[in-house]
Amino acid sequence: GVGVTVHLGRRRGHASTSDFSAPALAQTVAAAY
């Protein structure tokens, strides 16, 4: 699993995936953002 937490100042978002491929990582980070 990959869990990503993104902070925009005092705003927070989190998303996760079980796919380690580059497209899945980009999609997960974008979802957290």
PDB file of all heavy atoms in Angstrom:
ATOM      1  N   GLY A   1       0.809  -1.210   0.000  1.00  0.00           N
ATOM      2  CA  GLY A   1       0.000   0.000   0.000  1.00  0.00           C
ATOM      3  C   GLY A   1       0.845   1.264   0.000  1.00  0.00           C
ATOM      4  O   GLY A   1       1.991   1.266   0.464  1.00  0.00           O
ATOM      5  N   VAL A   2       0.261   2.301  -0.533  1.00  0.00           N
ATOM      6  CA  VAL A   2       0.843   3.648  -0.515  1.00  0.00           C
ATOM      7  C   VAL A   2      -0.191   4.578   0.088  1.00  0.00           C
ATOM      8  O   VAL A   2      -1.334   4.624  -0.386  1.00  0.00           O
ATOM      9  CB  VAL A   2       1.210   4.130  -1.937  1.00  0.00           C
ATOM     10  CG1 VAL A   2       1.706   5.574  -1.903  1.00  0.00           C
ATOM     11  CG2 VAL A   2       2.252   3.221  -2.570  1.00  0.00           C
ATOM     12  N   GLY A   3       0.187   5.307   1.112  1.00  0.00           N
ATOM     13  CA  GLY A   3      -0.672   6.326   1.695  1.00  0.00           C
ATOM     14  C   GLY A   3      -0.009   7.680   1.566  1.00  0.00           C
ATOM     15  O   GLY A   3       1.160   7.842   1.945  1.00  0.00           O
ATOM     16  N   VAL A   4      -0.710   8.643   1.013  1.00  0.00           N
ATOM     17  CA  VAL A   4      -0.143   9.977   0.779  1.00  0.00           C
ATOM     18  C   VAL A   4      -0.992  11.022   1.482  1.00  0.00           C
ATOM     19  O   VAL A   4      -2.222  11.034   1.343  1.00  0.00           O
ATOM     20  CB  VAL A   4      -0.075  10.306  -0.731  1.00  0.00           C
ATOM     21  CG1 VAL A   4       0.512  11.706  -0.942  1.00  0.00           C
ATOM     22  CG2 VAL A   4       0.756   9.260  -1.465  1.00  0.00           C
ATOM     23  N   THR A   5      -0.337  11.887   2.228  1.00  0.00           N
ATOM     24  CA  THR A   5      -1.010  13.011   2.885  1.00  0.00           C
ATOM     25  C   THR A   5      -0.457  14.312   2.316  1.00  0.00           C
ATOM     26  O   THR A   5       0.769  14.515   2.293  1.00  0.00           O
ATOM     27  CB  THR A   5      -0.802  12.985   4.405  1.00  0.00           C
ATOM     28  OG1 THR A   5      -1.306  11.758   4.923  1.00  0.00           O
ATOM     29  CG2 THR A   5      -1.526  14.149   5.070  1.00  0.00           C
ATOM     30  N   VAL A   6      -1.334  15.164   1.842  1.00  0.00           N
ATOM     31  CA  VAL A   6      -0.948  16.448   1.249  1.00  0.00           C
ATOM     32  C   VAL A   6      -1.472  17.575   2.112  1.00  0.00           C
ATOM     33  O   VAL A   6      -2.633  17.552   2.554  1.00  0.00           O
ATOM     34  CB  VAL A   6      -1.499  16.582  -0.188  1.00  0.00           C
ATOM     35  CG1 VAL A   6      -1.353  18.006  -0.705  1.00  0.00           C
ATOM     36  CG2 VAL A   6      -0.783  15.605  -1.116  1.00  0.00           C
ATOM     37  N   HIS A   7      -0.619  18.548   2.393  1.00  0.00           N
ATOM     38  CA  HIS A   7      -1.007  19.731   3.177  1.00  0.00           C
ATOM     39  C   HIS A   7      -0.942  20.964   2.281  1.00  0.00           C
ATOM     40  O   HIS A   7       0.046  21.202   1.582  1.00  0.00           O
ATOM     41  CB  HIS A   7      -0.069  19.924   4.365  1.00  0.00           C
ATOM     42  CG  HIS A   7      -0.136  18.821   5.368  1.00  0.00           C
ATOM     43  ND1 HIS A   7      -1.072  18.789   6.385  1.00  0.00           N
ATOM     44  CD2 HIS A   7       0.613  17.688   5.514  1.00  0.00           C
ATOM     45  CE1 HIS A   7      -0.897  17.694   7.111  1.00  0.00           C
ATOM     46  NE2 HIS A   7       0.113  17.013   6.608  1.00  0.00           N
ATOM     47  N   LEU A   8      -2.020  21.732   2.298  1.00  0.00           N
ATOM     48  CA  LEU A   8      -2.057  23.048   1.648  1.00  0.00           C
ATOM     49  C   LEU A   8      -2.276  24.058   2.758  1.00  0.00           C
ATOM     50  O   LEU A   8      -3.413  24.356   3.142  1.00  0.00           O
ATOM     51  CB  LEU A   8      -3.191  23.118   0.620  1.00  0.00           C
ATOM     52  CG  LEU A   8      -3.099  22.142  -0.557  1.00  0.00           C
ATOM     53  CD1 LEU A   8      -4.338  22.267  -1.436  1.00  0.00           C
ATOM     54  CD2 LEU A   8      -1.835  22.397  -1.360  1.00  0.00           C
ATOM     55  N   GLY A   9      -1.174  24.551   3.325  1.00  0.00           N
ATOM     56  CA  GLY A   9      -1.313  25.385   4.519  1.00  0.00           C
ATOM     57  C   GLY A   9      -1.893  24.553   5.646  1.00  0.00           C
ATOM     58  O   GLY A   9      -1.314  23.532   6.038  1.00  0.00           O
ATOM     59  N   ARG A  10      -3.065  24.950   6.148  1.00  0.00           N
ATOM     60  CA  ARG A  10      -3.715  24.225   7.226  1.00  0.00           C
ATOM     61  C   ARG A  10      -4.825  23.312   6.721  1.00  0.00           C
ATOM     62  O   ARG A  10      -5.667  22.861   7.486  1.00  0.00           O
ATOM     63  CB  ARG A  10      -4.268  25.217   8.257  1.00  0.00           C
ATOM     64  CG  ARG A  10      -3.201  25.998   9.014  1.00  0.00           C
ATOM     65  CD  ARG A  10      -2.276  25.055   9.769  1.00  0.00           C
ATOM     66  NE  ARG A  10      -1.253  25.763  10.533  1.00  0.00           N
ATOM     67  CZ  ARG A  10      -0.318  25.162  11.262  1.00  0.00           C
ATOM     68  NH1 ARG A  10      -0.288  23.838  11.291  1.00  0.00           N
ATOM     69  NH2 ARG A  10       0.584  25.867  11.920  1.00  0.00           N
ATOM     70  N   ARG A  11      -4.830  23.059   5.436  1.00  0.00           N
ATOM     71  CA  ARG A  11      -5.783  22.110   4.855  1.00  0.00           C
ATOM     72  C   ARG A  11      -5.061  20.782   4.606  1.00  0.00           C
ATOM     73  O   ARG A  11      -3.899  20.776   4.200  1.00  0.00           O
ATOM     74  CB  ARG A  11      -6.366  22.637   3.543  1.00  0.00           C
ATOM     75  CG  ARG A  11      -7.103  23.963   3.672  1.00  0.00           C
ATOM     76  CD  ARG A  11      -7.503  24.477   2.295  1.00  0.00           C
ATOM     77  NE  ARG A  11      -8.087  25.807   2.351  1.00  0.00           N
ATOM     78  CZ  ARG A  11      -9.388  26.052   2.459  1.00  0.00           C
ATOM     79  NH1 ARG A  11     -10.238  25.040   2.495  1.00  0.00           N
ATOM     80  NH2 ARG A  11      -9.849  27.289   2.499  1.00  0.00           N
ATOM     81  N   ARG A  12      -5.782  19.687   4.795  1.00  0.00           N
ATOM     82  CA  ARG A  12      -5.143  18.373   4.715  1.00  0.00           C
ATOM     83  C   ARG A  12      -5.995  17.418   3.889  1.00  0.00           C
ATOM     84  O   ARG A  12      -7.231  17.390   4.005  1.00  0.00           O
ATOM     85  CB  ARG A  12      -4.968  17.800   6.122  1.00  0.00           C
ATOM     86  CG  ARG A  12      -4.447  16.380   6.197  1.00  0.00           C
ATOM     87  CD  ARG A  12      -4.472  15.893   7.634  1.00  0.00           C
ATOM     88  NE  ARG A  12      -4.009  14.522   7.754  1.00  0.00           N
ATOM     89  CZ  ARG A  12      -4.752  13.452   7.582  1.00  0.00           C
ATOM     90  NH1 ARG A  12      -6.036  13.576   7.249  1.00  0.00           N
ATOM     91  NH2 ARG A  12      -4.244  12.233   7.725  1.00  0.00           N
ATOM     92  N   GLY A  13      -5.344  16.617   3.039  1.00  0.00           N
ATOM     93  CA  GLY A  13      -6.027  15.587   2.276  1.00  0.00           C
ATOM     94  C   GLY A  13      -5.220  14.304   2.272  1.00  0.00           C
ATOM     95  O   GLY A  13      -3.983  14.335   2.303  1.00  0.00           O
ATOM     96  N   HIS A  14      -5.913  13.190   2.236  1.00  0.00           N
ATOM     97  CA  HIS A  14      -5.229  11.902   2.269  1.00  0.00           C
ATOM     98  C   HIS A  14      -5.858  10.965   1.246  1.00  0.00           C
ATOM     99  O   HIS A  14      -7.085  10.944   1.080  1.00  0.00           O
ATOM    100  CB  HIS A  14      -5.312  11.269   3.659  1.00  0.00           C
ATOM    101  CG  HIS A  14      -4.627   9.926   3.747  1.00  0.00           C
ATOM    102  ND1 HIS A  14      -3.269   9.812   3.954  1.00  0.00           N
ATOM    103  CD2 HIS A  14      -5.121   8.659   3.649  1.00  0.00           C
ATOM    104  CE1 HIS A  14      -2.951   8.527   3.981  1.00  0.00           C
ATOM    105  NE2 HIS A  14      -4.054   7.810   3.779  1.00  0.00           N
ATOM    106  N   ALA A  15      -5.029  10.179   0.583  1.00  0.00           N
ATOM    107  CA  ALA A  15      -5.501   9.165  -0.369  1.00  0.00           C
ATOM    108  C   ALA A  15      -4.533   7.996  -0.345  1.00  0.00           C
ATOM    109  O   ALA A  15      -3.371   8.129   0.074  1.00  0.00           O
ATOM    110  CB  ALA A  15      -5.605   9.748  -1.773  1.00  0.00           C
ATOM    111  N   SER A  16      -5.007   6.834  -0.801  1.00  0.00           N
ATOM    112  CA  SER A  16      -4.160   5.642  -0.767  1.00  0.00           C
ATOM    113  C   SER A  16      -4.421   4.762  -1.982  1.00  0.00           C
ATOM    114  O   SER A  16      -5.451   4.879  -2.659  1.00  0.00           O
ATOM    115  CB  SER A  16      -4.408   4.843   0.516  1.00  0.00           C
ATOM    116  OG  SER A  16      -5.765   4.422   0.569  1.00  0.00           O
ATOM    117  N   THR A  17      -3.483   3.873  -2.242  1.00  0.00           N
ATOM    118  CA  THR A  17      -3.600   2.919  -3.338  1.00  0.00           C
ATOM    119  C   THR A  17      -2.767   1.690  -3.023  1.00  0.00           C
ATOM    120  O   THR A  17      -1.843   1.745  -2.195  1.00  0.00           O
ATOM    121  CB  THR A  17      -3.119   3.546  -4.666  1.00  0.00           C
ATOM    122  OG1 THR A  17      -3.283   2.601  -5.726  1.00  0.00           O
ATOM    123  CG2 THR A  17      -1.656   3.940  -4.604  1.00  0.00           C
ATOM    124  N   SER A  18      -3.079   0.581  -3.697  1.00  0.00           N
ATOM    125  CA  SER A  18      -2.257  -0.620  -3.576  1.00  0.00           C
ATOM    126  C   SER A  18      -1.457  -0.866  -4.846  1.00  0.00           C
ATOM    127  O   SER A  18      -0.808  -1.896  -4.993  1.00  0.00           O
ATOM    128  CB  SER A  18      -3.141  -1.840  -3.282  1.00  0.00           C
ATOM    129  OG  SER A  18      -4.102  -2.019  -4.311  1.00  0.00           O
ATOM    130  N   ASP A  19      -1.488   0.109  -5.738  1.00  0.00           N
ATOM    131  CA  ASP A  19      -0.805   0.007  -7.030  1.00  0.00           C
ATOM    132  C   ASP A  19       0.458   0.864  -6.988  1.00  0.00           C
ATOM    133  O   ASP A  19       0.382   2.076  -6.747  1.00  0.00           O
ATOM    134  CB  ASP A  19      -1.757   0.482  -8.134  1.00  0.00           C
ATOM    135  CG  ASP A  19      -1.206   0.256  -9.536  1.00  0.00           C
ATOM    136  OD1 ASP A  19       0.013   0.011  -9.677  1.00  0.00           O
ATOM    137  OD2 ASP A  19      -2.000   0.335 -10.487  1.00  0.00           O
ATOM    138  N   PHE A  20       1.608   0.263  -7.210  1.00  0.00           N
ATOM    139  CA  PHE A  20       2.887   0.988  -7.148  1.00  0.00           C
ATOM    140  C   PHE A  20       3.314   1.559  -8.504  1.00  0.00           C
ATOM    141  O   PHE A  20       4.405   2.114  -8.628  1.00  0.00           O
ATOM    142  CB  PHE A  20       3.996   0.060  -6.638  1.00  0.00           C
ATOM    143  CG  PHE A  20       3.962  -0.188  -5.147  1.00  0.00           C
ATOM    144  CD1 PHE A  20       2.899   0.219  -4.368  1.00  0.00           C
ATOM    145  CD2 PHE A  20       5.021  -0.834  -4.519  1.00  0.00           C
ATOM    146  CE1 PHE A  20       2.875  -0.019  -2.995  1.00  0.00           C
ATOM    147  CE2 PHE A  20       5.011  -1.078  -3.155  1.00  0.00           C
ATOM    148  CZ  PHE A  20       3.934  -0.673  -2.386  1.00  0.00           C
ATOM    149  N   SER A  21       2.488   1.448  -9.522  1.00  0.00           N
ATOM    150  CA  SER A  21       2.876   1.965 -10.838  1.00  0.00           C
ATOM    151  C   SER A  21       2.881   3.488 -10.832  1.00  0.00           C
ATOM    152  O   SER A  21       2.188   4.127 -10.043  1.00  0.00           O
ATOM    153  CB  SER A  21       1.913   1.464 -11.913  1.00  0.00           C
ATOM    154  OG  SER A  21       0.628   2.040 -11.752  1.00  0.00           O
ATOM    155  N   ALA A  22       3.664   4.077 -11.751  1.00  0.00           N
ATOM    156  CA  ALA A  22       3.790   5.533 -11.820  1.00  0.00           C
ATOM    157  C   ALA A  22       2.446   6.231 -12.039  1.00  0.00           C
ATOM    158  O   ALA A  22       2.140   7.231 -11.375  1.00  0.00           O
ATOM    159  CB  ALA A  22       4.783   5.925 -12.899  1.00  0.00           C
ATOM    160  N   PRO A  23       1.589   5.759 -12.955  1.00  0.00           N
ATOM    161  CA  PRO A  23       0.293   6.429 -13.136  1.00  0.00           C
ATOM    162  C   PRO A  23      -0.573   6.376 -11.874  1.00  0.00           C
ATOM    163  O   PRO A  23      -1.258   7.352 -11.546  1.00  0.00           O
ATOM    164  CB  PRO A  23      -0.355   5.642 -14.289  1.00  0.00           C
ATOM    165  CG  PRO A  23       0.786   5.038 -15.026  1.00  0.00           C
ATOM    166  CD  PRO A  23       1.799   4.715 -13.981  1.00  0.00           C
ATOM    167  N   ALA A  24      -0.545   5.231 -11.168  1.00  0.00           N
ATOM    168  CA  ALA A  24      -1.355   5.114  -9.954  1.00  0.00           C
ATOM    169  C   ALA A  24      -0.848   6.045  -8.858  1.00  0.00           C
ATOM    170  O   ALA A  24      -1.642   6.645  -8.121  1.00  0.00           O
ATOM    171  CB  ALA A  24      -1.347   3.667  -9.461  1.00  0.00           C
ATOM    172  N   LEU A  25       0.480   6.185  -8.742  1.00  0.00           N
ATOM    173  CA  LEU A  25       1.042   7.097  -7.746  1.00  0.00           C
ATOM    174  C   LEU A  25       0.622   8.537  -8.046  1.00  0.00           C
ATOM    175  O   LEU A  25       0.233   9.287  -7.140  1.00  0.00           O
ATOM    176  CB  LEU A  25       2.565   6.982  -7.719  1.00  0.00           C
ATOM    177  CG  LEU A  25       3.151   5.641  -7.290  1.00  0.00           C
ATOM    178  CD1 LEU A  25       4.676   5.683  -7.344  1.00  0.00           C
ATOM    179  CD2 LEU A  25       2.685   5.260  -5.890  1.00  0.00           C
ATOM    180  N   ALA A  26       0.705   8.923  -9.321  1.00  0.00           N
ATOM    181  CA  ALA A  26       0.311  10.283  -9.703  1.00  0.00           C
ATOM    182  C   ALA A  26      -1.165  10.525  -9.413  1.00  0.00           C
ATOM    183  O   ALA A  26      -1.555  11.599  -8.925  1.00  0.00           O
ATOM    184  CB  ALA A  26       0.606  10.507 -11.187  1.00  0.00           C
ATOM    185  N   GLN A  27      -1.979   9.529  -9.711  1.00  0.00           N
ATOM    186  CA  GLN A  27      -3.420   9.655  -9.466  1.00  0.00           C
ATOM    187  C   GLN A  27      -3.720   9.764  -7.974  1.00  0.00           C
ATOM    188  O   GLN A  27      -4.594  10.536  -7.556  1.00  0.00           O
ATOM    189  CB  GLN A  27      -4.131   8.436 -10.059  1.00  0.00           C
ATOM    190  CG  GLN A  27      -5.625   8.589 -10.197  1.00  0.00           C
ATOM    191  CD  GLN A  27      -6.222   7.420 -10.969  1.00  0.00           C
ATOM    192  OE1 GLN A  27      -5.859   6.272 -10.763  1.00  0.00           O
ATOM    193  NE2 GLN A  27      -7.141   7.720 -11.878  1.00  0.00           N
ATOM    194  N   THR A  28      -2.994   9.025  -7.146  1.00  0.00           N
ATOM    195  CA  THR A  28      -3.214   9.044  -5.694  1.00  0.00           C
ATOM    196  C   THR A  28      -2.807  10.381  -5.097  1.00  0.00           C
ATOM    197  O   THR A  28      -3.534  10.961  -4.277  1.00  0.00           O
ATOM    198  CB  THR A  28      -2.415   7.908  -5.033  1.00  0.00           C
ATOM    199  OG1 THR A  28      -2.824   6.662  -5.596  1.00  0.00           O
ATOM    200  CG2 THR A  28      -2.655   7.891  -3.530  1.00  0.00           C
ATOM    201  N   VAL A  29      -1.650  10.897  -5.504  1.00  0.00           N
ATOM    202  CA  VAL A  29      -1.215  12.203  -5.012  1.00  0.00           C
ATOM    203  C   VAL A  29      -2.197  13.287  -5.446  1.00  0.00           C
ATOM    204  O   VAL A  29      -2.552  14.188  -4.658  1.00  0.00           O
ATOM    205  CB  VAL A  29       0.207  12.525  -5.517  1.00  0.00           C
ATOM    206  CG1 VAL A  29       0.603  13.953  -5.110  1.00  0.00           C
ATOM    207  CG2 VAL A  29       1.209  11.520  -4.959  1.00  0.00           C
ATOM    208  N   ALA A  30      -2.683  13.216  -6.685  1.00  0.00           N
ATOM    209  CA  ALA A  30      -3.652  14.195  -7.173  1.00  0.00           C
ATOM    210  C   ALA A  30      -4.945  14.125  -6.374  1.00  0.00           C
ATOM    211  O   ALA A  30      -5.563  15.165  -6.063  1.00  0.00           O
ATOM    212  CB  ALA A  30      -3.930  13.958  -8.655  1.00  0.00           C
ATOM    213  N   ALA A  31      -5.367  12.908  -6.010  1.00  0.00           N
ATOM    214  CA  ALA A  31      -6.587  12.756  -5.213  1.00  0.00           C
ATOM    215  C   ALA A  31      -6.419  13.382  -3.839  1.00  0.00           C
ATOM    216  O   ALA A  31      -7.319  14.078  -3.337  1.00  0.00           O
ATOM    217  CB  ALA A  31      -6.940  11.279  -5.089  1.00  0.00           C
ATOM    218  N   ALA A  32      -5.249  13.159  -3.216  1.00  0.00           N
ATOM    219  CA  ALA A  32      -5.001  13.766  -1.899  1.00  0.00           C
ATOM    220  C   ALA A  32      -4.968  15.286  -2.009  1.00  0.00           C
ATOM    221  O   ALA A  32      -5.480  15.998  -1.125  1.00  0.00           O
ATOM    222  CB  ALA A  32      -3.675  13.242  -1.335  1.00  0.00           C
ATOM    223  N   TYR A  33      -4.382  15.788  -3.090  1.00  0.00           N
ATOM    224  CA  TYR A  33      -4.322  17.237  -3.302  1.00  0.00           C
ATOM    225  C   TYR A  33      -5.725  17.826  -3.448  1.00  0.00           C
ATOM    226  O   TYR A  33      -6.043  18.872  -2.853  1.00  0.00           O
ATOM    227  CB  TYR A  33      -3.492  17.521  -4.558  1.00  0.00           C
ATOM    228  CG  TYR A  33      -3.322  18.984  -4.872  1.00  0.00           C
ATOM    229  CD1 TYR A  33      -2.303  19.725  -4.287  1.00  0.00           C
ATOM    230  CD2 TYR A  33      -4.194  19.630  -5.755  1.00  0.00           C
ATOM    231  CE1 TYR A  33      -2.150  21.080  -4.570  1.00  0.00           C
ATOM    232  CE2 TYR A  33      -4.043  20.973  -6.048  1.00  0.00           C
ATOM    233  CZ  TYR A  33      -3.023  21.693  -5.450  1.00  0.00           C
ATOM    234  OH  TYR A  33      -2.881  23.035  -5.724  1.00  0.00           O
TER     235      TYR A  33
END
